Amino acid sequence: MTRKETFPRFDIMGESGLLVTFGQGISEAANEKALRLAQSFKERPLSGAVDVVPAYSSTLILFEPEALSAHDLEDEVRRRLSQKTTAIVQGRLLEIPVQYNEETGPDLANLAQLHGLTQEDVIRLHTGRQYRVFFIGFMPGFPYMGRVARRLITPRLPTPRVRVAAGSVGIAGSQTGIYPLASPGGWQIIGRTRADLWDPTRESPSLLLPGDSVQFLESAAEGERVSQSAVVLRPQRPVLEVTGLAGMSTVQDLGREGYSQLGLCRGGAFDPASAMRANALVGNAPSDAVLELTWSGPTMQAVQNITIALDGADLGCRVDGATVPPGMAWFVRSGSTVRFSQSSPSRAGARAYLAVAGGLDAPLVLKSRSTYLPGGFGGIGGRPIQVGDNLGVVSQAGSAQDVAGRFWIGRTGPPAASRRSVRFVRYTGAGRANNHAMDALVSSRWTVSDSSDRMGLRLRAAESMPTLPVREVVSFGVVKGAIQLPPDGNPVVLGPDHHTTGGYPLAGVVIEADLPILAQLRPGDEISFQDVSLAEALVARATARRELREGIAALNAPR
């Protein structure tokens, strides 16, 4: 006899996530509780709680375990739920004009045929009711709305499109939604709107908010929405000019907090520890922006005397022929050329971090200089750097030679190539992977796919073995390092630019201390997974953070 589920349910997700679940499936009652809990943290912030991710029937609370224990957080949530001091979320009603035709809605005709309807019937049914915005997820500003009329319920496409146009309106199951940005996607597209759902320059970047209602209106407007490209401004204090390219390089800092409920993850450096070590070497603050170099690095000419430092992978950096080792601050004279090896792969790792004394400059977008590639904003024009770009610094106080020659005491760079066993904490909550899938995960070796990127590492079985079919689940909030199992059974480990919510079973979360391993994996590398307890993960986290603090303190100690 199956034990009846009781709600609310509290489940730990990795070291720094607490998932509070209010029910099964999609219901307005459970969603209202999820939104009220998220709203309570906005109205009454709690020290140590850094972000919330409401979904259909759950709220994920992200927290810093050094400042707030999971036990104390659960007690606080229970108090808030019992007090019921947060008002019911009163959303707005917004009208969204949509152009419905076979050009803007490539699935309109097939969807109509599937259900024995005319295209006019589909349009009438889709515009004939108001839709609740249950939550914002998947990508910045993407509204999950429902429910559509029963006659319109349609599964996702069997194979997702490589590109769905911005503004596309789609159906997936009983849900309807709008793609704010051009992206891959598997929803059935029936039309397109010109409404600007996401604008990072607005005070509230997402047009729609959880709890709002939407009424679609048929529109005769023609043409695709014109998206505005980010403006690239010449820096006030230029220090490096990009003269050649190799690999991919983006400006990154420690990311953005506080926007997860709008579908925007924290992002930032894939390997924050390496970025912070590079910054410390040149006297910067840990949160200053750096250049994240992937696979290789650009060729750049110094236009000022500067001091640089690299950490992470050894990508063969040379300045005027002299080798620049990772973990050391290096003085670069004006007119010198900085370049990276392009004839052979890195000795270890995939990503390096280049810091410049004074901190790299880029416009602050939503409180961060980080490049968010899926949304095309942040950094330099929301894109990787290009030939002709000028990199500047925020401050040029002091002499560039003041910090030159400093070196990191202790290990720098990625773990040794032989260390490819990645530790994770099993997830046992709502939406967990089944035991058969979990056993296969830990007993197999996995190869990194060449389709991996900052959104996630896609893995395939290194040995010949059948994939493990798994089911979709009701979407819930997820964290960096989460190990998802899509329908084909091949794991995806979420990276810094991950979707804030997911509808795939969750096997567990890679521990923070091993996230640098993920950042340094290249396509073709093999890894295995080792499950550890939450207590072991917290000890490893505390040790890694203590070593980083001690290293920075040693650099700044009086000589």
Protein backbone atom coordinates (compact mmCIF):
# COMPACT_ATOMS: atom_id res chain seq x y z
CA MET A 1 0.00 0.00 0.00
CA THR A 2 1.46 3.37 -1.03
CA ARG A 3 1.85 5.91 1.76
CA LYS A 4 -0.11 9.08 1.11
CA GLU A 5 2.06 12.14 0.47
CA THR A 6 1.72 14.92 3.05
CA PHE A 7 2.27 18.60 2.29
CA PRO A 8 4.04 20.88 2.68
CA ARG A 9 7.07 18.72 1.99
CA PHE A 10 10.64 19.88 2.69
CA ASP A 11 13.54 18.48 0.65
CA ILE A 12 17.21 19.47 0.65
CA MET A 13 18.69 20.09 -2.81
CA GLY A 14 22.47 19.95 -2.61
CA GLU A 15 24.19 22.07 0.00
CA SER A 16 22.31 25.30 -0.55
CA GLY A 17 18.75 24.64 -1.69
CA LEU A 18 15.55 23.87 0.20
CA LEU A 19 12.56 22.81 -1.92
CA VAL A 20 9.17 23.37 -0.29
CA THR A 21 6.43 21.43 -2.15
CA PHE A 22 2.74 22.16 -1.63
CA GLY A 23 1.09 19.55 -3.83
CA GLN A 24 1.27 17.28 -6.84
CA GLY A 25 0.55 18.33 -10.39
CA ILE A 26 -0.63 21.75 -11.50
CA SER A 27 -3.15 23.47 -9.25
CA GLU A 28 -3.94 27.09 -8.51
CA ALA A 29 -4.26 26.36 -4.79
CA ALA A 30 -0.73 24.90 -4.52
CA ASN A 31 0.65 27.63 -6.77
CA GLU A 32 -0.90 30.33 -4.59
CA LYS A 33 0.91 28.89 -1.55
CA ALA A 34 4.19 28.76 -3.50
CA LEU A 35 3.85 32.38 -4.61
CA ARG A 36 2.89 33.57 -1.13
CA LEU A 37 5.96 31.92 0.36
CA ALA A 38 8.20 33.50 -2.29
CA GLN A 39 6.53 36.88 -1.70
CA SER A 40 7.17 36.62 2.04
CA PHE A 41 10.94 36.49 1.43
CA LYS A 42 10.65 39.58 -0.74
CA GLU A 43 8.70 41.46 1.93
CA ARG A 44 10.71 40.12 4.88
CA PRO A 45 14.23 39.17 3.75
CA LEU A 46 16.01 36.58 5.85
CA SER A 47 19.75 36.80 6.42
CA GLY A 48 21.43 33.94 4.58
CA ALA A 49 18.53 33.36 2.17
CA VAL A 50 19.73 34.70 -1.18
CA ASP A 51 16.98 33.89 -3.71
CA VAL A 52 13.67 32.11 -4.29
CA VAL A 53 12.30 30.19 -7.28
CA PRO A 54 8.54 29.64 -7.24
CA ALA A 55 7.10 27.08 -9.66
CA TYR A 56 3.78 25.30 -10.22
CA SER A 57 3.44 23.79 -6.77
CA SER A 58 6.75 24.46 -5.04
CA THR A 59 9.20 27.14 -3.96
CA LEU A 60 12.96 26.60 -4.01
CA ILE A 61 14.84 28.73 -1.49
CA LEU A 62 18.54 29.27 -2.18
CA PHE A 63 20.64 29.93 0.92
CA GLU A 64 24.20 30.19 2.19
CA PRO A 65 24.79 27.29 4.61
CA GLU A 66 27.61 29.23 6.31
CA ALA A 67 25.05 31.84 7.41
CA LEU A 68 21.86 29.78 7.68
CA SER A 69 21.39 26.07 8.30
CA ALA A 70 18.81 24.07 6.38
CA HIS A 71 17.18 23.13 9.70
CA ASP A 72 16.81 26.77 10.78
CA LEU A 73 15.52 27.72 7.34
CA GLU A 74 12.88 24.99 7.47
CA ASP A 75 11.79 26.19 10.93
CA GLU A 76 11.49 29.75 9.60
CA VAL A 77 9.43 28.60 6.61
CA ARG A 78 7.09 26.66 8.89
CA ARG A 79 6.62 29.78 11.03
CA ARG A 80 5.81 31.88 7.99
CA LEU A 81 3.35 29.34 6.68
CA SER A 82 1.58 29.11 10.03
CA GLN A 83 1.37 32.89 10.49
CA LYS A 84 -0.14 33.54 7.04
CA THR A 85 0.84 37.21 7.26
CA THR A 86 1.61 37.50 3.55
CA ALA A 87 -1.33 38.70 1.49
CA ILE A 88 -2.61 36.70 -1.46
CA VAL A 89 -0.64 37.67 -4.54
CA GLN A 90 -2.81 40.10 -6.50
CA GLY A 91 -1.67 39.91 -10.10
CA ARG A 92 -2.48 42.18 -13.02
CA LEU A 93 -4.45 41.41 -16.16
CA LEU A 94 -2.40 42.05 -19.29
CA GLU A 95 -3.60 41.83 -22.88
CA ILE A 96 -1.07 40.33 -25.32
CA PRO A 97 -1.73 40.80 -29.08
CA VAL A 98 -0.70 37.76 -31.15
CA GLN A 99 -0.45 37.25 -34.87
CA TYR A 100 -1.70 33.72 -35.63
CA ASN A 101 -0.79 32.29 -39.05
CA GLU A 102 1.38 29.58 -40.57
CA GLU A 103 4.38 31.89 -40.90
CA THR A 104 4.42 33.06 -37.29
CA GLY A 105 2.94 29.79 -36.01
CA PRO A 106 4.63 26.90 -37.86
CA ASP A 107 2.69 24.30 -35.83
CA LEU A 108 -0.72 25.94 -36.13
CA ALA A 109 -1.94 23.86 -39.07
CA ASN A 110 -0.65 20.53 -37.71
CA LEU A 111 -2.10 21.19 -34.27
CA ALA A 112 -5.47 22.00 -35.78
CA GLN A 113 -5.41 18.86 -37.92
CA LEU A 114 -4.36 16.70 -34.95
CA HIS A 115 -7.47 17.74 -33.01
CA GLY A 116 -9.90 17.84 -35.95
CA LEU A 117 -10.15 21.62 -35.75
CA THR A 118 -9.80 24.48 -38.19
CA GLN A 119 -7.08 27.06 -37.63
CA GLU A 120 -9.83 29.53 -36.79
CA ASP A 121 -11.07 27.13 -34.10
CA VAL A 122 -7.59 26.99 -32.56
CA ILE A 123 -7.34 30.78 -32.50
CA ARG A 124 -10.83 31.13 -31.02
CA LEU A 125 -10.11 28.58 -28.28
CA HIS A 126 -6.69 30.06 -27.47
CA THR A 127 -8.00 33.64 -27.19
CA GLY A 128 -11.22 32.58 -25.50
CA ARG A 129 -9.98 32.51 -21.91
CA GLN A 130 -7.63 34.19 -19.45
CA TYR A 131 -4.47 32.37 -18.38
CA ARG A 132 -2.83 32.42 -14.99
CA VAL A 133 0.94 33.04 -14.92
CA PHE A 134 1.96 30.22 -12.60
CA PHE A 135 5.65 31.13 -12.63
CA ILE A 136 8.51 32.52 -14.72
CA GLY A 137 11.17 29.96 -15.61
CA PHE A 138 13.16 28.16 -18.31
CA MET A 139 14.66 31.49 -19.44
CA PRO A 140 14.38 35.14 -18.38
CA GLY A 141 10.77 36.31 -18.66
CA PHE A 142 9.30 32.99 -19.94
CA PRO A 143 5.76 32.67 -18.47
CA TYR A 144 4.31 29.23 -17.74
CA MET A 145 0.58 29.78 -18.10
CA GLY A 146 -2.51 27.64 -18.05
CA ARG A 147 -4.67 26.03 -18.63
CA VAL A 148 -5.55 25.81 -22.29
CA ALA A 149 -8.91 24.47 -23.46
CA ARG A 150 -9.07 20.68 -23.30
CA ARG A 151 -9.31 20.42 -27.10
CA LEU A 152 -5.92 22.24 -27.43
CA ILE A 153 -3.91 20.02 -25.07
CA THR A 154 -0.93 18.87 -27.18
CA PRO A 155 2.40 17.27 -26.25
CA ARG A 156 5.72 18.94 -27.00
CA LEU A 157 7.44 18.29 -30.33
CA PRO A 158 9.29 14.95 -30.38
CA THR A 159 12.45 16.81 -31.49
CA PRO A 160 12.93 20.40 -30.27
CA ARG A 161 13.67 23.13 -32.81
CA VAL A 162 17.19 24.50 -32.94
CA ARG A 163 15.77 28.04 -32.92
CA VAL A 164 12.41 29.45 -31.90
CA ALA A 165 11.89 33.14 -32.72
CA ALA A 166 11.55 35.66 -29.91
CA GLY A 167 7.90 36.38 -29.15
CA SER A 168 6.70 32.94 -30.27
CA VAL A 169 3.53 31.75 -28.52
CA GLY A 170 3.31 28.02 -27.92
CA ILE A 171 1.44 25.14 -26.29
CA ALA A 172 2.94 22.22 -24.38
CA GLY A 173 0.51 19.84 -22.76
CA SER A 174 -2.09 21.95 -20.98
CA GLN A 175 0.30 24.91 -20.74
CA THR A 176 0.76 27.93 -22.94
CA GLY A 177 3.75 30.25 -22.94
CA ILE A 178 5.76 32.89 -24.79
CA TYR A 179 9.44 32.74 -25.74
CA PRO A 180 10.89 36.13 -24.69
CA LEU A 181 14.20 35.42 -26.42
CA ALA A 182 15.23 33.43 -29.47
CA SER A 183 16.27 29.98 -28.26
CA PRO A 184 15.95 26.26 -28.89
CA GLY A 185 12.56 24.93 -27.85
CA GLY A 186 10.06 22.12 -28.19
CA TRP A 187 6.69 23.80 -27.67
CA GLN A 188 4.03 23.75 -30.41
CA ILE A 189 4.25 27.27 -31.91
CA ILE A 190 0.91 28.74 -33.01
CA GLY A 191 1.67 32.48 -33.28
CA ARG A 192 3.94 35.38 -32.39
CA THR A 193 3.67 38.59 -30.41
CA ARG A 194 5.62 41.83 -30.60
CA ALA A 195 5.22 42.37 -26.85
CA ASP A 196 8.62 42.94 -25.23
CA LEU A 197 8.56 40.32 -22.50
CA TRP A 198 12.15 40.82 -21.30
CA ASP A 199 14.16 44.02 -21.14
CA PRO A 200 17.12 44.04 -18.70
CA THR A 201 17.23 47.86 -18.80
CA ARG A 202 13.76 48.16 -17.21
CA GLU A 203 13.35 48.45 -13.45
CA SER A 204 11.22 45.31 -13.66
CA PRO A 205 12.88 43.45 -16.55
CA SER A 206 10.10 40.85 -16.95
CA LEU A 207 6.83 42.14 -18.42
CA LEU A 208 4.88 39.34 -16.76
CA LEU A 209 5.14 38.31 -13.10
CA PRO A 210 3.95 35.22 -11.22
CA GLY A 211 0.30 35.64 -10.31
CA ASP A 212 -0.55 37.83 -13.30
CA SER A 213 -3.27 36.91 -15.80
CA VAL A 214 -2.98 37.10 -19.59
CA GLN A 215 -5.62 37.56 -22.25
CA PHE A 216 -4.42 36.85 -25.79
CA LEU A 217 -5.89 38.98 -28.57
CA GLU A 218 -5.74 38.15 -32.26
CA SER A 219 -3.71 40.80 -34.08
CA ALA A 220 -3.14 41.57 -37.76
CA ALA A 221 0.32 42.96 -37.08
CA GLU A 222 2.93 41.67 -39.51
CA GLY A 223 6.60 40.85 -39.22
CA GLU A 224 8.90 39.62 -36.49
CA ARG A 225 9.65 41.75 -33.48
CA VAL A 226 12.84 43.75 -33.93
CA SER A 227 15.24 43.12 -31.08
CA GLN A 228 17.61 45.86 -30.03
CA SER A 229 21.27 44.90 -29.97
CA ALA A 230 23.21 45.86 -26.86
CA VAL A 231 25.29 48.99 -27.34
CA VAL A 232 29.06 48.54 -27.06
CA LEU A 233 30.70 51.62 -25.54
CA ARG A 234 34.41 52.37 -25.69
CA PRO A 235 35.79 52.09 -22.14
CA GLN A 236 37.00 55.23 -20.38
CA ARG A 237 40.22 53.48 -19.31
CA PRO A 238 41.22 51.11 -22.16
CA VAL A 239 44.08 48.72 -21.37
CA LEU A 240 43.90 45.92 -23.96
CA GLU A 241 42.92 45.83 -27.63
CA VAL A 242 41.76 42.50 -29.09
CA THR A 243 43.67 41.77 -32.30
CA GLY A 244 43.00 38.04 -32.79
CA LEU A 245 40.60 35.34 -31.63
CA ALA A 246 40.77 31.72 -30.54
CA GLY A 247 38.32 29.86 -28.38
CA MET A 248 35.56 31.89 -26.70
CA SER A 249 36.10 34.64 -24.16
CA THR A 250 33.47 36.52 -22.15
CA VAL A 251 33.49 39.05 -19.34
CA GLN A 252 32.30 37.44 -16.10
CA ASP A 253 32.10 38.26 -12.42
CA LEU A 254 30.35 36.40 -9.58
CA GLY A 255 26.93 36.81 -11.18
CA ARG A 256 23.49 38.19 -10.34
CA GLU A 257 21.51 37.40 -7.21
CA GLY A 258 17.82 38.03 -6.72
CA TYR A 259 16.37 37.45 -10.20
CA SER A 260 15.68 33.71 -10.16
CA GLN A 261 11.93 34.19 -9.77
CA LEU A 262 12.06 36.09 -13.08
CA GLY A 263 13.75 33.16 -14.82
CA LEU A 264 17.30 34.58 -14.65
CA CYS A 265 19.88 32.40 -12.92
CA ARG A 266 22.90 33.77 -11.07
CA GLY A 267 25.32 33.02 -13.91
CA GLY A 268 28.82 34.44 -13.57
CA ALA A 269 32.14 32.61 -13.74
CA PHE A 270 31.87 28.85 -14.33
CA ASP A 271 34.76 28.35 -11.86
CA PRO A 272 34.36 31.17 -9.29
CA ALA A 273 37.30 30.03 -7.16
CA SER A 274 39.74 30.40 -10.07
CA ALA A 275 38.30 33.82 -10.91
CA MET A 276 38.70 34.96 -7.31
CA ARG A 277 42.29 33.70 -7.12
CA ALA A 278 43.18 35.58 -10.31
CA ASN A 279 41.59 38.75 -8.90
CA ALA A 280 43.41 38.38 -5.59
CA LEU A 281 46.77 38.10 -7.33
CA VAL A 282 46.39 41.57 -8.89
CA GLY A 283 44.84 43.17 -5.80
CA ASN A 284 41.24 43.23 -7.01
CA ALA A 285 38.11 42.50 -5.01
CA PRO A 286 36.81 38.91 -5.37
CA SER A 287 33.71 40.14 -7.21
CA ASP A 288 35.58 42.20 -9.84
CA ALA A 289 35.05 41.23 -13.47
CA VAL A 290 37.55 39.00 -15.27
CA LEU A 291 37.86 37.47 -18.73
CA GLU A 292 36.72 33.84 -18.86
CA LEU A 293 38.72 32.07 -21.59
CA THR A 294 37.34 28.81 -23.00
CA TRP A 295 39.56 26.33 -24.92
CA SER A 296 42.06 29.08 -25.81
CA GLY A 297 42.41 32.83 -25.50
CA PRO A 298 42.49 35.94 -27.68
CA THR A 299 45.53 37.81 -28.90
CA MET A 300 45.62 41.26 -27.29
CA GLN A 301 47.91 44.26 -27.33
CA ALA A 302 48.43 46.29 -24.16
CA VAL A 303 47.72 50.00 -24.65
CA GLN A 304 48.79 50.84 -21.08
CA ASN A 305 51.21 49.41 -18.54
CA ILE A 306 49.15 46.77 -16.70
CA THR A 307 49.49 43.77 -14.42
CA ILE A 308 47.61 40.58 -15.27
CA ALA A 309 47.15 37.22 -13.58
CA LEU A 310 45.71 33.91 -14.76
CA ASP A 311 44.19 31.01 -12.89
CA GLY A 312 42.32 27.87 -13.88
CA ALA A 313 43.44 25.95 -16.94
CA ASP A 314 46.93 26.48 -18.34
CA LEU A 315 46.17 27.74 -21.85
CA GLY A 316 49.79 28.56 -22.68
CA CYS A 317 49.79 32.33 -22.10
CA ARG A 318 52.82 34.24 -23.39
CA VAL A 319 53.71 37.92 -23.26
CA ASP A 320 56.22 38.91 -25.94
CA GLY A 321 57.48 35.33 -25.99
CA ALA A 322 57.81 34.94 -22.21
CA THR A 323 55.67 32.22 -20.61
CA VAL A 324 53.16 33.51 -18.04
CA PRO A 325 52.41 30.74 -15.53
CA PRO A 326 49.01 30.49 -13.87
CA GLY A 327 48.96 31.66 -10.27
CA MET A 328 51.36 34.60 -10.70
CA ALA A 329 50.85 38.34 -11.25
CA TRP A 330 52.71 39.48 -14.40
CA PHE A 331 53.65 43.02 -15.43
CA VAL A 332 52.83 43.83 -19.08
CA ARG A 333 54.33 46.93 -20.69
CA SER A 334 52.35 49.14 -23.05
CA GLY A 335 52.73 47.82 -26.62
CA SER A 336 53.35 44.21 -25.52
CA THR A 337 51.33 41.36 -27.01
CA VAL A 338 49.45 38.82 -24.90
CA ARG A 339 48.66 35.58 -26.74
CA PHE A 340 47.74 31.97 -26.00
CA SER A 341 48.84 28.64 -27.42
CA GLN A 342 46.68 27.60 -30.36
CA SER A 343 48.65 24.64 -31.68
CA SER A 344 48.07 22.20 -28.83
CA PRO A 345 45.39 21.64 -26.22
CA SER A 346 45.71 22.80 -22.65
CA ARG A 347 47.84 20.69 -20.38
CA ALA A 348 44.87 20.55 -18.01
CA GLY A 349 41.39 21.98 -18.16
CA ALA A 350 39.13 23.98 -20.42
CA ARG A 351 38.76 27.44 -18.84
CA ALA A 352 41.17 30.06 -17.59
CA TYR A 353 40.47 33.38 -15.91
CA LEU A 354 42.44 36.50 -16.77
CA ALA A 355 42.30 39.34 -14.25
CA VAL A 356 43.67 42.83 -14.81
CA ALA A 357 44.63 45.10 -11.91
CA GLY A 358 41.75 47.55 -11.53
CA GLY A 359 39.03 45.07 -12.56
CA LEU A 360 37.66 44.72 -16.08
CA ASP A 361 35.04 47.31 -16.95
CA ALA A 362 31.64 46.67 -18.54
CA PRO A 363 28.23 48.28 -17.97
CA LEU A 364 26.38 47.07 -14.89
CA VAL A 365 23.26 45.25 -16.07
CA LEU A 366 21.01 44.03 -13.26
CA LYS A 367 23.83 44.68 -10.76
CA SER A 368 26.47 42.63 -12.58
CA ARG A 369 29.01 42.94 -15.41
CA SER A 370 28.65 39.25 -16.31
CA THR A 371 27.86 38.23 -19.88
CA TYR A 372 24.62 36.25 -20.15
CA LEU A 373 24.92 34.71 -23.60
CA PRO A 374 21.41 33.15 -23.84
CA GLY A 375 19.85 36.58 -23.28
CA GLY A 376 22.39 38.65 -25.19
CA PHE A 377 23.09 41.13 -22.39
CA GLY A 378 25.86 41.98 -19.94
CA GLY A 379 29.61 42.05 -20.57
CA ILE A 380 30.53 43.58 -23.94
CA GLY A 381 27.30 43.76 -25.92
CA GLY A 382 26.00 40.50 -24.44
CA ARG A 383 28.40 38.46 -26.61
CA PRO A 384 31.90 36.96 -26.63
CA ILE A 385 34.68 39.46 -27.28
CA GLN A 386 35.57 40.19 -30.90
CA VAL A 387 38.54 41.51 -32.84
CA GLY A 388 38.62 45.28 -32.46
CA ASP A 389 37.12 45.30 -28.95
CA ASN A 390 38.85 47.43 -26.35
CA LEU A 391 38.94 46.10 -22.80
CA GLY A 392 39.05 48.67 -20.05
CA VAL A 393 39.40 48.70 -16.28
CA VAL A 394 37.21 50.27 -13.62
CA SER A 395 40.13 51.86 -11.75
CA GLN A 396 43.76 52.65 -12.51
CA ALA A 397 44.69 53.78 -9.02
CA GLY A 398 48.32 53.12 -8.09
CA SER A 399 51.17 51.72 -10.15
CA ALA A 400 50.64 48.68 -12.36
CA GLN A 401 53.86 47.28 -10.91
CA ASP A 402 52.68 47.36 -7.28
CA VAL A 403 51.31 43.81 -7.36
CA ALA A 404 53.54 42.33 -10.08
CA GLY A 405 55.39 39.22 -9.00
CA ARG A 406 52.88 38.06 -6.42
CA PHE A 407 52.21 34.33 -6.57
CA TRP A 408 49.63 32.02 -5.09
CA ILE A 409 50.86 29.84 -2.25
CA GLY A 410 49.48 26.34 -2.72
CA ARG A 411 47.66 24.61 -5.55
CA THR A 412 46.16 26.63 -8.37
CA GLY A 413 44.41 25.54 -11.53
CA PRO A 414 42.10 22.58 -12.12
CA PRO A 415 42.40 19.20 -10.39
CA ALA A 416 44.71 16.65 -11.95
CA ALA A 417 43.43 14.82 -15.01
CA SER A 418 43.26 11.60 -13.00
CA ARG A 419 40.72 13.20 -10.64
CA ARG A 420 37.57 12.76 -12.69
CA SER A 421 35.33 11.26 -10.04
CA VAL A 422 32.75 13.94 -9.30
CA ARG A 423 31.06 13.86 -5.90
CA PHE A 424 27.37 14.61 -5.56
CA VAL A 425 24.62 14.56 -2.96
CA ARG A 426 21.63 12.44 -3.90
CA TYR A 427 18.31 14.18 -4.22
CA THR A 428 15.49 12.25 -2.53
CA GLY A 429 12.65 14.75 -2.83
CA ALA A 430 9.68 15.31 -5.11
CA GLY A 431 10.73 14.85 -8.74
CA ARG A 432 13.66 12.53 -7.91
CA ALA A 433 15.10 10.00 -10.34
CA ASN A 434 14.12 6.37 -9.81
CA ASN A 435 16.46 3.89 -8.14
CA HIS A 436 17.31 2.11 -11.41
CA ALA A 437 18.48 5.37 -12.99
CA MET A 438 20.44 6.28 -9.85
CA ASP A 439 22.25 2.93 -9.83
CA ALA A 440 23.18 3.37 -13.50
CA LEU A 441 24.45 6.89 -12.85
CA VAL A 442 26.97 5.85 -10.20
CA SER A 443 28.01 2.56 -11.81
CA SER A 444 28.82 3.98 -15.26
CA ARG A 445 31.48 6.19 -16.76
CA TRP A 446 30.25 9.13 -18.81
CA THR A 447 31.71 11.07 -21.72
CA VAL A 448 31.26 14.83 -22.10
CA SER A 449 29.36 15.65 -25.31
CA ASP A 450 30.54 18.34 -27.72
CA SER A 451 27.11 20.00 -27.33
CA SER A 452 28.01 21.03 -23.77
CA ASP A 453 28.17 24.72 -22.92
CA ARG A 454 27.74 27.13 -20.02
CA MET A 455 24.09 26.10 -19.69
CA GLY A 456 25.03 22.50 -18.97
CA LEU A 457 27.35 19.55 -19.53
CA ARG A 458 25.61 16.92 -21.63
CA LEU A 459 26.87 13.41 -21.01
CA ARG A 460 26.60 10.08 -22.77
CA ALA A 461 27.55 6.62 -21.60
CA ALA A 462 31.24 5.89 -22.17
CA GLU A 463 30.55 2.16 -22.46
CA SER A 464 27.98 0.53 -24.70
CA MET A 465 24.78 0.45 -22.70
CA PRO A 466 21.12 1.21 -23.35
CA THR A 467 19.84 4.62 -22.34
CA LEU A 468 17.43 4.81 -19.45
CA PRO A 469 14.00 6.12 -20.43
CA VAL A 470 12.70 8.47 -17.74
CA ARG A 471 9.53 10.46 -17.29
CA GLU A 472 8.94 14.20 -17.23
CA VAL A 473 7.81 15.67 -13.90
CA VAL A 474 6.06 18.86 -12.86
CA SER A 475 8.61 21.68 -13.21
CA PHE A 476 10.40 22.86 -10.06
CA GLY A 477 13.35 25.08 -9.22
CA VAL A 478 16.87 23.73 -9.76
CA VAL A 479 20.42 24.79 -8.84
CA LYS A 480 23.83 24.93 -10.49
CA GLY A 481 25.36 21.46 -10.47
CA ALA A 482 21.99 19.68 -10.54
CA ILE A 483 22.10 16.35 -12.41
CA GLN A 484 18.98 16.07 -14.55
CA LEU A 485 17.83 13.00 -16.49
CA PRO A 486 16.03 13.98 -19.73
CA PRO A 487 13.78 11.47 -21.52
CA ASP A 488 16.72 9.79 -23.31
CA GLY A 489 18.35 8.99 -19.95
CA ASN A 490 21.64 10.77 -20.74
CA PRO A 491 22.47 13.07 -17.79
CA VAL A 492 22.78 16.84 -18.04
CA VAL A 493 24.73 18.62 -15.30
CA LEU A 494 23.57 22.22 -15.05
CA GLY A 495 26.15 24.99 -15.52
CA PRO A 496 26.14 28.65 -14.45
CA ASP A 497 23.73 29.79 -17.21
CA HIS A 498 21.22 27.03 -16.45
CA HIS A 499 17.45 27.28 -16.65
CA THR A 500 16.02 28.24 -13.26
CA THR A 501 13.36 25.52 -13.42
CA GLY A 502 13.27 22.05 -14.92
CA GLY A 503 10.75 19.33 -15.65
CA TYR A 504 13.12 16.35 -15.64
CA PRO A 505 13.82 13.95 -12.75
CA LEU A 506 16.71 15.04 -10.56
CA ALA A 507 19.39 12.57 -9.50
CA GLY A 508 21.37 14.88 -7.24
CA VAL A 509 23.60 17.92 -7.09
CA VAL A 510 27.37 18.04 -7.62
CA ILE A 511 28.99 19.38 -4.46
CA GLU A 512 30.36 22.92 -4.57
CA ALA A 513 33.93 21.74 -3.92
CA ASP A 514 33.83 19.72 -7.18
CA LEU A 515 32.18 22.34 -9.40
CA PRO A 516 35.65 23.44 -10.62
CA ILE A 517 36.03 19.94 -12.13
CA LEU A 518 32.90 20.51 -14.22
CA ALA A 519 34.20 23.88 -15.40
CA GLN A 520 37.40 22.30 -16.69
CA LEU A 521 35.94 19.34 -18.59
CA ARG A 522 36.36 19.22 -22.36
CA PRO A 523 34.30 17.28 -24.92
CA GLY A 524 35.49 13.68 -24.90
CA ASP A 525 36.62 13.75 -21.26
CA GLU A 526 35.30 10.92 -19.11
CA ILE A 527 33.90 11.26 -15.60
CA SER A 528 32.16 9.12 -13.03
CA PHE A 529 29.88 10.05 -10.14
CA GLN A 530 30.35 9.24 -6.47
CA ASP A 531 27.54 9.91 -4.04
CA VAL A 532 28.46 11.39 -0.65
CA SER A 533 26.47 12.55 2.34
CA LEU A 534 25.35 16.13 2.85
CA ALA A 535 27.63 16.32 5.88
CA GLU A 536 30.65 15.32 3.76
CA ALA A 537 29.67 17.90 1.13
CA LEU A 538 29.46 20.68 3.71
CA VAL A 539 32.87 19.76 5.14
CA ALA A 540 34.42 19.82 1.65
CA ARG A 541 32.73 23.15 0.93
CA ALA A 542 34.00 24.69 4.19
CA THR A 543 37.53 23.37 3.53
CA ALA A 544 37.65 24.78 -0.01
CA ARG A 545 36.38 28.17 1.13
CA ARG A 546 38.82 28.28 4.06
CA GLU A 547 41.76 27.51 1.76
CA LEU A 548 40.67 30.31 -0.57
CA ARG A 549 40.39 32.81 2.29
CA GLU A 550 43.76 31.78 3.67
CA GLY A 551 45.38 32.14 0.25
CA ILE A 552 43.99 35.65 -0.20
CA ALA A 553 45.08 36.59 3.32
CA ALA A 554 48.61 35.33 2.62
CA LEU A 555 48.78 37.51 -0.52
CA ASN A 556 47.68 40.59 1.39
CA ALA A 557 49.87 40.00 4.44
CA PRO A 558 52.59 42.66 5.06
CA ARG A 559 55.88 41.70 3.45
